[in-house]
């Protein structure tokens, strides 16, 4: 028999509370688009950042200009490009690897 666990989170900062709610809406939208979330970064006084796994949808957004490339480079893993766009007051980012 499975038992349900209830998550309890106490956050005293109103700014962090708002960021959590905002980020939750963005994650719901991303999930509905078939985009998997890799990580969420929330800091006091900053716009929340949602790091996602790239897929055909994200590549299409970049090709159509709905997302912008903000960084390119080469590291020990090879070439990379980083993209971003805004969703529900969150910064959504991802990294593409390869020849791009």
PDB file of N, CA and C in Angstrom:
ATOM      1  N   UNK A   1       0.843  -1.172   0.000  1.00  0.00           N
ATOM      2  CA  UNK A   1       0.000   0.000   0.000  1.00  0.00           C
ATOM      3  C   UNK A   1       0.891   1.239   0.000  1.00  0.00           C
ATOM      4  N   UNK A   2       0.571   2.191  -0.858  1.00  0.00           N
ATOM      5  CA  UNK A   2       1.327   3.438  -0.936  1.00  0.00           C
ATOM      6  C   UNK A   2       0.728   4.458   0.020  1.00  0.00           C
ATOM      7  N   UNK A   3       1.602   5.203   0.644  1.00  0.00           N
ATOM      8  CA  UNK A   3       1.128   6.281   1.501  1.00  0.00           C
ATOM      9  C   UNK A   3       1.473   7.605   0.855  1.00  0.00           C
ATOM     10  N   UNK A   4       0.590   8.547   0.967  1.00  0.00           N
ATOM     11  CA  UNK A   4       0.808   9.879   0.406  1.00  0.00           C
ATOM     12  C   UNK A   4       1.634  10.702   1.376  1.00  0.00           C
ATOM     13  N   UNK A   5       2.607  11.423   0.830  1.00  0.00           N
ATOM     14  CA  UNK A   5       3.434  12.303   1.639  1.00  0.00           C
ATOM     15  C   UNK A   5       3.080  13.736   1.297  1.00  0.00           C
ATOM     16  N   UNK A   6       2.923  14.536   2.297  1.00  0.00           N
ATOM     17  CA  UNK A   6       2.607  15.934   2.086  1.00  0.00           C
ATOM     18  C   UNK A   6       3.871  16.751   2.306  1.00  0.00           C
ATOM     19  N   UNK A   7       4.174  17.604   1.342  1.00  0.00           N
ATOM     20  CA  UNK A   7       5.345  18.460   1.428  1.00  0.00           C
ATOM     21  C   UNK A   7       4.964  19.748   2.138  1.00  0.00           C
ATOM     22  N   UNK A   8       5.732  20.101   3.124  1.00  0.00           N
ATOM     23  CA  UNK A   8       5.492  21.338   3.857  1.00  0.00           C
ATOM     24  C   UNK A   8       6.709  22.234   3.677  1.00  0.00           C
ATOM     25  N   UNK A   9       6.463  23.468   3.276  1.00  0.00           N
ATOM     26  CA  UNK A   9       7.535  24.410   3.020  1.00  0.00           C
ATOM     27  C   UNK A   9       7.172  25.742   3.655  1.00  0.00           C
ATOM     28  N   UNK A  10       8.039  26.242   4.514  1.00  0.00           N
ATOM     29  CA  UNK A  10       7.820  27.530   5.153  1.00  0.00           C
ATOM     30  C   UNK A  10       8.829  28.514   4.585  1.00  0.00           C
ATOM     31  N   UNK A  11       8.322  29.547   3.942  1.00  0.00           N
ATOM     32  CA  UNK A  11       9.178  30.574   3.354  1.00  0.00           C
ATOM     33  C   UNK A  11       8.734  31.912   3.926  1.00  0.00           C
ATOM     34  N   UNK A  12       9.637  32.577   4.627  1.00  0.00           N
ATOM     35  CA  UNK A  12       9.287  33.835   5.266  1.00  0.00           C
ATOM     36  C   UNK A  12       9.346  35.025   4.315  1.00  0.00           C
ATOM     37  N   UNK A  13      10.125  34.926   3.260  1.00  0.00           N
ATOM     38  CA  UNK A  13      10.277  36.024   2.309  1.00  0.00           C
ATOM     39  C   UNK A  13       9.101  36.069   1.339  1.00  0.00           C
ATOM     40  N   UNK A  14       8.419  37.195   1.296  1.00  0.00           N
ATOM     41  CA  UNK A  14       7.294  37.348   0.369  1.00  0.00           C
ATOM     42  C   UNK A  14       7.781  37.283  -1.081  1.00  0.00           C
ATOM     43  N   UNK A  15       8.963  37.841  -1.346  1.00  0.00           N
ATOM     44  CA  UNK A  15       9.513  37.808  -2.692  1.00  0.00           C
ATOM     45  C   UNK A  15       9.774  36.391  -3.161  1.00  0.00           C
ATOM     46  N   UNK A  16      10.294  35.557  -2.285  1.00  0.00           N
ATOM     47  CA  UNK A  16      10.546  34.152  -2.627  1.00  0.00           C
ATOM     48  C   UNK A  16       9.220  33.422  -2.819  1.00  0.00           C
ATOM     49  N   UNK A  17       8.229  33.705  -1.985  1.00  0.00           N
ATOM     50  CA  UNK A  17       6.911  33.078  -2.130  1.00  0.00           C
ATOM     51  C   UNK A  17       6.317  33.387  -3.501  1.00  0.00           C
ATOM     52  N   UNK A  18       6.403  34.655  -3.910  1.00  0.00           N
ATOM     53  CA  UNK A  18       5.873  35.058  -5.218  1.00  0.00           C
ATOM     54  C   UNK A  18       6.648  34.362  -6.331  1.00  0.00           C
ATOM     55  N   UNK A  19       7.962  34.280  -6.191  1.00  0.00           N
ATOM     56  CA  UNK A  19       8.789  33.617  -7.204  1.00  0.00           C
ATOM     57  C   UNK A  19       8.426  32.138  -7.335  1.00  0.00           C
ATOM     58  N   UNK A  20       8.139  31.481  -6.229  1.00  0.00           N
ATOM     59  CA  UNK A  20       7.750  30.062  -6.260  1.00  0.00           C
ATOM     60  C   UNK A  20       6.432  29.896  -7.014  1.00  0.00           C
ATOM     61  N   UNK A  21       5.471  30.756  -6.742  1.00  0.00           N
ATOM     62  CA  UNK A  21       4.177  30.689  -7.425  1.00  0.00           C
ATOM     63  C   UNK A  21       4.348  30.957  -8.918  1.00  0.00           C
ATOM     64  N   UNK A  22       5.115  31.998  -9.254  1.00  0.00           N
ATOM     65  CA  UNK A  22       5.371  32.345 -10.653  1.00  0.00           C
ATOM     66  C   UNK A  22       6.060  31.209 -11.380  1.00  0.00           C
ATOM     67  N   UNK A  23       7.060  30.629 -10.742  1.00  0.00           N
ATOM     68  CA  UNK A  23       7.811  29.532 -11.344  1.00  0.00           C
ATOM     69  C   UNK A  23       6.927  28.304 -11.549  1.00  0.00           C
ATOM     70  N   UNK A  24       6.034  28.056 -10.613  1.00  0.00           N
ATOM     71  CA  UNK A  24       5.117  26.930 -10.729  1.00  0.00           C
ATOM     72  C   UNK A  24       4.256  27.059 -11.983  1.00  0.00           C
ATOM     73  N   UNK A  25       3.777  28.266 -12.252  1.00  0.00           N
ATOM     74  CA  UNK A  25       2.968  28.501 -13.462  1.00  0.00           C
ATOM     75  C   UNK A  25       3.797  28.247 -14.720  1.00  0.00           C
ATOM     76  N   UNK A  26       5.038  28.720 -14.714  1.00  0.00           N
ATOM     77  CA  UNK A  26       5.908  28.526 -15.878  1.00  0.00           C
ATOM     78  C   UNK A  26       6.188  27.043 -16.106  1.00  0.00           C
ATOM     79  N   UNK A  27       6.460  26.305 -15.043  1.00  0.00           N
ATOM     80  CA  UNK A  27       6.742  24.874 -15.154  1.00  0.00           C
ATOM     81  C   UNK A  27       5.517  24.131 -15.704  1.00  0.00           C
ATOM     82  N   UNK A  28       4.340  24.520 -15.279  1.00  0.00           N
ATOM     83  CA  UNK A  28       3.109  23.905 -15.799  1.00  0.00           C
ATOM     84  C   UNK A  28       2.986  24.140 -17.300  1.00  0.00           C
ATOM     85  N   UNK A  29       3.264  25.366 -17.739  1.00  0.00           N
ATOM     86  CA  UNK A  29       3.212  25.690 -19.169  1.00  0.00           C
ATOM     87  C   UNK A  29       4.253  24.897 -19.945  1.00  0.00           C
ATOM     88  N   UNK A  30       5.470  24.844 -19.433  1.00  0.00           N
ATOM     89  CA  UNK A  30       6.533  24.090 -20.101  1.00  0.00           C
ATOM     90  C   UNK A  30       6.174  22.615 -20.212  1.00  0.00           C
ATOM     91  N   UNK A  31       5.650  22.051 -19.154  1.00  0.00           N
ATOM     92  CA  UNK A  31       5.248  20.636 -19.165  1.00  0.00           C
ATOM     93  C   UNK A  31       4.181  20.380 -20.217  1.00  0.00           C
ATOM     94  N   UNK A  32       3.229  21.300 -20.338  1.00  0.00           N
ATOM     95  CA  UNK A  32       2.166  21.159 -21.339  1.00  0.00           C
ATOM     96  C   UNK A  32       2.734  21.215 -22.759  1.00  0.00           C
ATOM     97  N   UNK A  33       3.885  21.880 -22.927  1.00  0.00           N
ATOM     98  CA  UNK A  33       4.545  21.969 -24.230  1.00  0.00           C
ATOM     99  C   UNK A  33       5.501  20.797 -24.470  1.00  0.00           C
ATOM    100  N   UNK A  34       5.584  19.888 -23.516  1.00  0.00           N
ATOM    101  CA  UNK A  34       6.469  18.739 -23.643  1.00  0.00           C
ATOM    102  C   UNK A  34       7.929  19.053 -23.363  1.00  0.00           C
ATOM    103  N   UNK A  35       8.178  20.142 -22.637  1.00  0.00           N
ATOM    104  CA  UNK A  35       9.539  20.554 -22.313  1.00  0.00           C
ATOM    105  C   UNK A  35       9.855  20.146 -20.880  1.00  0.00           C
ATOM    106  N   UNK A  36      10.947  19.411 -20.706  1.00  0.00           N
ATOM    107  CA  UNK A  36      11.338  18.917 -19.388  1.00  0.00           C
ATOM    108  C   UNK A  36      12.208  19.940 -18.658  1.00  0.00           C
ATOM    109  N   UNK A  37      11.903  20.130 -17.380  1.00  0.00           N
ATOM    110  CA  UNK A  37      12.656  21.064 -16.549  1.00  0.00           C
ATOM    111  C   UNK A  37      13.834  20.336 -15.913  1.00  0.00           C
ATOM    112  N   UNK A  38      14.993  20.940 -16.016  1.00  0.00           N
ATOM    113  CA  UNK A  38      16.230  20.388 -15.466  1.00  0.00           C
ATOM    114  C   UNK A  38      16.499  20.943 -14.067  1.00  0.00           C
ATOM    115  N   UNK A  39      16.262  22.262 -13.887  1.00  0.00           N
ATOM    116  CA  UNK A  39      16.582  22.914 -12.612  1.00  0.00           C
ATOM    117  C   UNK A  39      15.829  24.236 -12.513  1.00  0.00           C
ATOM    118  N   UNK A  40      15.566  24.659 -11.283  1.00  0.00           N
ATOM    119  CA  UNK A  40      14.946  25.963 -11.014  1.00  0.00           C
ATOM    120  C   UNK A  40      15.848  26.724 -10.059  1.00  0.00           C
ATOM    121  N   UNK A  41      16.169  27.964 -10.417  1.00  0.00           N
ATOM    122  CA  UNK A  41      16.988  28.822  -9.559  1.00  0.00           C
ATOM    123  C   UNK A  41      16.160  30.010  -9.104  1.00  0.00           C
ATOM    124  N   UNK A  42      16.037  30.167  -7.785  1.00  0.00           N
ATOM    125  CA  UNK A  42      15.296  31.299  -7.217  1.00  0.00           C
ATOM    126  C   UNK A  42      16.194  31.990  -6.205  1.00  0.00           C
ATOM    127  N   UNK A  43      16.377  33.297  -6.411  1.00  0.00           N
ATOM    128  CA  UNK A  43      17.155  34.119  -5.489  1.00  0.00           C
ATOM    129  C   UNK A  43      16.350  35.363  -5.154  1.00  0.00           C
ATOM    130  N   UNK A  44      16.479  35.822  -3.939  1.00  0.00           N
ATOM    131  CA  UNK A  44      15.790  37.036  -3.492  1.00  0.00           C
ATOM    132  C   UNK A  44      16.152  38.204  -4.409  1.00  0.00           C
ATOM    133  N   UNK A  45      15.145  38.905  -4.894  1.00  0.00           N
ATOM    134  CA  UNK A  45      15.365  40.102  -5.689  1.00  0.00           C
ATOM    135  C   UNK A  45      15.734  39.882  -7.144  1.00  0.00           C
ATOM    136  N   UNK A  46      15.733  38.634  -7.595  1.00  0.00           N
ATOM    137  CA  UNK A  46      16.074  38.330  -8.987  1.00  0.00           C
ATOM    138  C   UNK A  46      14.935  37.573  -9.648  1.00  0.00           C
ATOM    139  N   UNK A  47      14.865  37.685 -10.954  1.00  0.00           N
ATOM    140  CA  UNK A  47      13.850  36.952 -11.714  1.00  0.00           C
ATOM    141  C   UNK A  47      14.180  35.460 -11.647  1.00  0.00           C
ATOM    142  N   UNK A  48      13.206  34.607 -11.371  1.00  0.00           N
ATOM    143  CA  UNK A  48      13.475  33.166 -11.320  1.00  0.00           C
ATOM    144  C   UNK A  48      13.975  32.653 -12.669  1.00  0.00           C
ATOM    145  N   UNK A  49      14.867  31.679 -12.621  1.00  0.00           N
ATOM    146  CA  UNK A  49      15.396  31.066 -13.830  1.00  0.00           C
ATOM    147  C   UNK A  49      15.015  29.591 -13.846  1.00  0.00           C
ATOM    148  N   UNK A  50      14.444  29.162 -14.972  1.00  0.00           N
ATOM    149  CA  UNK A  50      14.082  27.765 -15.170  1.00  0.00           C
ATOM    150  C   UNK A  50      15.007  27.217 -16.248  1.00  0.00           C
ATOM    151  N   UNK A  51      15.805  26.231 -15.885  1.00  0.00           N
ATOM    152  CA  UNK A  51      16.727  25.599 -16.831  1.00  0.00           C
ATOM    153  C   UNK A  51      16.031  24.363 -17.386  1.00  0.00           C
ATOM    154  N   UNK A  52      15.977  24.278 -18.715  1.00  0.00           N
ATOM    155  CA  UNK A  52      15.239  23.188 -19.360  1.00  0.00           C
ATOM    156  C   UNK A  52      16.159  22.344 -20.231  1.00  0.00           C
ATOM    157  N   UNK A  53      15.650  21.153 -20.604  1.00  0.00           N
ATOM    158  CA  UNK A  53      16.336  20.292 -21.563  1.00  0.00           C
ATOM    159  C   UNK A  53      15.883  20.716 -22.965  1.00  0.00           C
ATOM    160  N   UNK A  54      16.807  20.913 -23.892  1.00  0.00           N
ATOM    161  CA  UNK A  54      16.402  21.302 -25.255  1.00  0.00           C
ATOM    162  C   UNK A  54      15.687  20.158 -25.967  1.00  0.00           C
ATOM    163  N   UNK A  55      14.821  20.549 -26.875  1.00  0.00           N
ATOM    164  CA  UNK A  55      14.124  19.570 -27.711  1.00  0.00           C
ATOM    165  C   UNK A  55      13.700  20.258 -29.013  1.00  0.00           C
ATOM    166  N   UNK A  56      12.893  19.617 -29.805  1.00  0.00           N
ATOM    167  CA  UNK A  56      12.466  20.196 -31.089  1.00  0.00           C
ATOM    168  C   UNK A  56      11.715  21.516 -30.882  1.00  0.00           C
ATOM    169  N   UNK A  57      10.939  21.616 -29.819  1.00  0.00           N
ATOM    170  CA  UNK A  57      10.193  22.845 -29.540  1.00  0.00           C
ATOM    171  C   UNK A  57      11.140  24.006 -29.264  1.00  0.00           C
ATOM    172  N   UNK A  58      12.164  23.787 -28.463  1.00  0.00           N
ATOM    173  CA  UNK A  58      13.093  24.876 -28.142  1.00  0.00           C
ATOM    174  C   UNK A  58      13.895  25.276 -29.387  1.00  0.00           C
ATOM    175  N   UNK A  59      14.269  24.318 -30.201  1.00  0.00           N
ATOM    176  CA  UNK A  59      15.011  24.636 -31.423  1.00  0.00           C
ATOM    177  C   UNK A  59      14.137  25.442 -32.389  1.00  0.00           C
ATOM    178  N   UNK A  60      12.867  25.113 -32.455  1.00  0.00           N
ATOM    179  CA  UNK A  60      11.926  25.861 -33.305  1.00  0.00           C
ATOM    180  C   UNK A  60      11.770  27.291 -32.788  1.00  0.00           C
ATOM    181  N   UNK A  61      11.695  27.448 -31.458  1.00  0.00           N
ATOM    182  CA  UNK A  61      11.571  28.794 -30.876  1.00  0.00           C
ATOM    183  C   UNK A  61      12.788  29.654 -31.225  1.00  0.00           C
ATOM    184  N   UNK A  62      13.971  29.063 -31.160  1.00  0.00           N
ATOM    185  CA  UNK A  62      15.186  29.796 -31.507  1.00  0.00           C
ATOM    186  C   UNK A  62      15.183  30.165 -32.992  1.00  0.00           C
ATOM    187  N   UNK A  63      14.795  29.230 -33.845  1.00  0.00           N
ATOM    188  CA  UNK A  63      14.769  29.472 -35.287  1.00  0.00           C
ATOM    189  C   UNK A  63      13.776  30.566 -35.665  1.00  0.00           C
ATOM    190  N   UNK A  64      12.667  30.652 -34.925  1.00  0.00           N
ATOM    191  CA  UNK A  64      11.633  31.656 -35.207  1.00  0.00           C
ATOM    192  C   UNK A  64      11.884  32.988 -34.509  1.00  0.00           C
ATOM    193  N   UNK A  65      12.958  33.079 -33.737  1.00  0.00           N
ATOM    194  CA  UNK A  65      13.280  34.321 -33.044  1.00  0.00           C
ATOM    195  C   UNK A  65      12.493  34.546 -31.766  1.00  0.00           C
ATOM    196  N   UNK A  66      11.823  33.521 -31.266  1.00  0.00           N
ATOM    197  CA  UNK A  66      11.067  33.643 -30.013  1.00  0.00           C
ATOM    198  C   UNK A  66      11.966  33.459 -28.795  1.00  0.00           C
ATOM    199  N   UNK A  67      13.160  32.937 -29.028  1.00  0.00           N
ATOM    200  CA  UNK A  67      14.193  32.815 -28.003  1.00  0.00           C
ATOM    201  C   UNK A  67      15.466  33.415 -28.597  1.00  0.00           C
ATOM    202  N   UNK A  68      16.315  33.940 -27.742  1.00  0.00           N
ATOM    203  CA  UNK A  68      17.558  34.551 -28.233  1.00  0.00           C
ATOM    204  C   UNK A  68      18.773  33.785 -27.726  1.00  0.00           C
ATOM    205  N   UNK A  69      19.793  33.745 -28.571  1.00  0.00           N
ATOM    206  CA  UNK A  69      21.062  33.166 -28.162  1.00  0.00           C
ATOM    207  C   UNK A  69      21.823  34.251 -27.411  1.00  0.00           C
ATOM    208  N   UNK A  70      22.259  33.949 -26.199  1.00  0.00           N
ATOM    209  CA  UNK A  70      22.971  34.944 -25.409  1.00  0.00           C
ATOM    210  C   UNK A  70      24.412  34.563 -25.114  1.00  0.00           C
ATOM    211  N   UNK A  71      24.821  33.371 -25.516  1.00  0.00           N
ATOM    212  CA  UNK A  71      26.200  32.960 -25.261  1.00  0.00           C
ATOM    213  C   UNK A  71      26.579  31.828 -26.199  1.00  0.00           C
ATOM    214  N   UNK A  72      27.833  31.866 -26.655  1.00  0.00           N
ATOM    215  CA  UNK A  72      28.395  30.761 -27.425  1.00  0.00           C
ATOM    216  C   UNK A  72      29.818  30.543 -26.953  1.00  0.00           C
ATOM    217  N   UNK A  73      30.327  29.351 -27.174  1.00  0.00           N
ATOM    218  CA  UNK A  73      31.702  29.104 -26.779  1.00  0.00           C
ATOM    219  C   UNK A  73      32.109  27.672 -27.007  1.00  0.00           C
ATOM    220  N   UNK A  74      33.308  27.403 -26.548  1.00  0.00           N
ATOM    221  CA  UNK A  74      33.869  26.058 -26.608  1.00  0.00           C
ATOM    222  C   UNK A  74      34.470  25.770 -25.241  1.00  0.00           C
ATOM    223  N   UNK A  75      34.148  24.602 -24.706  1.00  0.00           N
ATOM    224  CA  UNK A  75      34.755  24.177 -23.445  1.00  0.00           C
ATOM    225  C   UNK A  75      35.269  22.753 -23.613  1.00  0.00           C
ATOM    226  N   UNK A  76      35.591  22.098 -22.512  1.00  0.00           N
ATOM    227  CA  UNK A  76      36.147  20.744 -22.597  1.00  0.00           C
ATOM    228  C   UNK A  76      35.172  19.717 -23.176  1.00  0.00           C
ATOM    229  N   UNK A  77      33.890  20.077 -23.271  1.00  0.00           N
ATOM    230  CA  UNK A  77      32.889  19.178 -23.857  1.00  0.00           C
ATOM    231  C   UNK A  77      32.583  19.529 -25.312  1.00  0.00           C
ATOM    232  N   UNK A  78      33.192  20.592 -25.829  1.00  0.00           N
ATOM    233  CA  UNK A  78      32.967  20.994 -27.215  1.00  0.00           C
ATOM    234  C   UNK A  78      32.231  22.317 -27.324  1.00  0.00           C
ATOM    235  N   UNK A  79      31.647  22.548 -28.494  1.00  0.00           N
ATOM    236  CA  UNK A  79      30.917  23.792 -28.763  1.00  0.00           C
ATOM    237  C   UNK A  79      29.577  23.813 -28.035  1.00  0.00           C
ATOM    238  N   UNK A  80      29.172  25.020 -27.625  1.00  0.00           N
ATOM    239  CA  UNK A  80      27.856  25.185 -27.013  1.00  0.00           C
ATOM    240  C   UNK A  80      27.256  26.533 -27.401  1.00  0.00           C
ATOM    241  N   UNK A  81      25.933  26.591 -27.302  1.00  0.00           N
ATOM    242  CA  UNK A  81      25.166  27.821 -27.458  1.00  0.00           C
ATOM    243  C   UNK A  81      24.146  27.848 -26.331  1.00  0.00           C
ATOM    244  N   UNK A  82      23.939  29.017 -25.736  1.00  0.00           N
ATOM    245  CA  UNK A  82      22.938  29.159 -24.686  1.00  0.00           C
ATOM    246  C   UNK A  82      21.836  30.094 -25.173  1.00  0.00           C
ATOM    247  N   UNK A  83      20.595  29.689 -24.921  1.00  0.00           N
ATOM    248  CA  UNK A  83      19.420  30.437 -25.368  1.00  0.00           C
ATOM    249  C   UNK A  83      18.543  30.800 -24.170  1.00  0.00           C
ATOM    250  N   UNK A  84      17.703  31.815 -24.374  1.00  0.00           N
ATOM    251  CA  UNK A  84      16.773  32.211 -23.314  1.00  0.00           C
ATOM    252  C   UNK A  84      15.531  32.882 -23.897  1.00  0.00           C
ATOM    253  N   UNK A  85      14.456  32.847 -23.117  1.00  0.00           N
ATOM    254  CA  UNK A  85      13.253  33.629 -23.401  1.00  0.00           C
ATOM    255  C   UNK A  85      12.514  33.819 -22.089  1.00  0.00           C
ATOM    256  N   UNK A  86      11.533  34.709 -22.099  1.00  0.00           N
ATOM    257  CA  UNK A  86      10.768  34.989 -20.883  1.00  0.00           C
ATOM    258  C   UNK A  86       9.415  34.287 -20.940  1.00  0.00           C
ATOM    259  N   UNK A  87       9.033  33.702 -19.817  1.00  0.00           N
ATOM    260  CA  UNK A  87       7.742  33.022 -19.687  1.00  0.00           C
ATOM    261  C   UNK A  87       7.216  33.270 -18.281  1.00  0.00           C
ATOM    262  N   UNK A  88       6.032  33.847 -18.164  1.00  0.00           N
ATOM    263  CA  UNK A  88       5.408  34.087 -16.853  1.00  0.00           C
ATOM    264  C   UNK A  88       6.373  34.758 -15.869  1.00  0.00           C
ATOM    265  N   UNK A  89       7.074  35.788 -16.316  1.00  0.00           N
ATOM    266  CA  UNK A  89       8.028  36.547 -15.491  1.00  0.00           C
ATOM    267  C   UNK A  89       9.218  35.708 -15.026  1.00  0.00           C
ATOM    268  N   UNK A  90       9.474  34.604 -15.723  1.00  0.00           N
ATOM    269  CA  UNK A  90      10.635  33.764 -15.443  1.00  0.00           C
ATOM    270  C   UNK A  90      11.561  33.795 -16.650  1.00  0.00           C
ATOM    271  N   UNK A  91      12.822  33.622 -16.399  1.00  0.00           N
ATOM    272  CA  UNK A  91      13.819  33.467 -17.449  1.00  0.00           C
ATOM    273  C   UNK A  91      13.956  31.965 -17.701  1.00  0.00           C
ATOM    274  N   UNK A  92      13.698  31.547 -18.930  1.00  0.00           N
ATOM    275  CA  UNK A  92      13.812  30.139 -19.311  1.00  0.00           C
ATOM    276  C   UNK A  92      15.069  30.006 -20.167  1.00  0.00           C
ATOM    277  N   UNK A  93      15.981  29.123 -19.766  1.00  0.00           N
ATOM    278  CA  UNK A  93      17.262  28.978 -20.457  1.00  0.00           C
ATOM    279  C   UNK A  93      17.561  27.513 -20.775  1.00  0.00           C
ATOM    280  N   UNK A  94      18.373  27.329 -21.821  1.00  0.00           N
ATOM    281  CA  UNK A  94      18.861  25.994 -22.143  1.00  0.00           C
ATOM    282  C   UNK A  94      20.154  26.110 -22.921  1.00  0.00           C
ATOM    283  N   UNK A  95      20.834  24.981 -23.003  1.00  0.00           N
ATOM    284  CA  UNK A  95      22.123  24.915 -23.693  1.00  0.00           C
ATOM    285  C   UNK A  95      22.038  23.872 -24.796  1.00  0.00           C
ATOM    286  N   UNK A  96      22.510  24.250 -25.962  1.00  0.00           N
ATOM    287  CA  UNK A  96      22.614  23.330 -27.109  1.00  0.00           C
ATOM    288  C   UNK A  96      24.073  22.970 -27.271  1.00  0.00           C
ATOM    289  N   UNK A  97      24.343  21.711 -27.508  1.00  0.00           N
ATOM    290  CA  UNK A  97      25.709  21.224 -27.725  1.00  0.00           C
ATOM    291  C   UNK A  97      25.853  20.747 -29.156  1.00  0.00           C
ATOM    292  N   UNK A  98      27.043  20.882 -29.738  1.00  0.00           N
ATOM    293  CA  UNK A  98      27.296  20.353 -31.066  1.00  0.00           C
ATOM    294  C   UNK A  98      27.894  21.395 -31.974  1.00  0.00           C
ATOM    295  N   UNK A  99      27.603  21.255 -33.254  1.00  0.00           N
ATOM    296  CA  UNK A  99      28.238  22.106 -34.260  1.00  0.00           C
ATOM    297  C   UNK A  99      27.629  23.489 -34.373  1.00  0.00           C
ATOM    298  N   UNK A 100      26.388  23.708 -33.870  1.00  0.00           N
ATOM    299  CA  UNK A 100      25.659  24.952 -33.938  1.00  0.00           C
ATOM    300  C   UNK A 100      26.331  26.152 -34.177  1.00  0.00           C
TER     301      UNK A 100
END
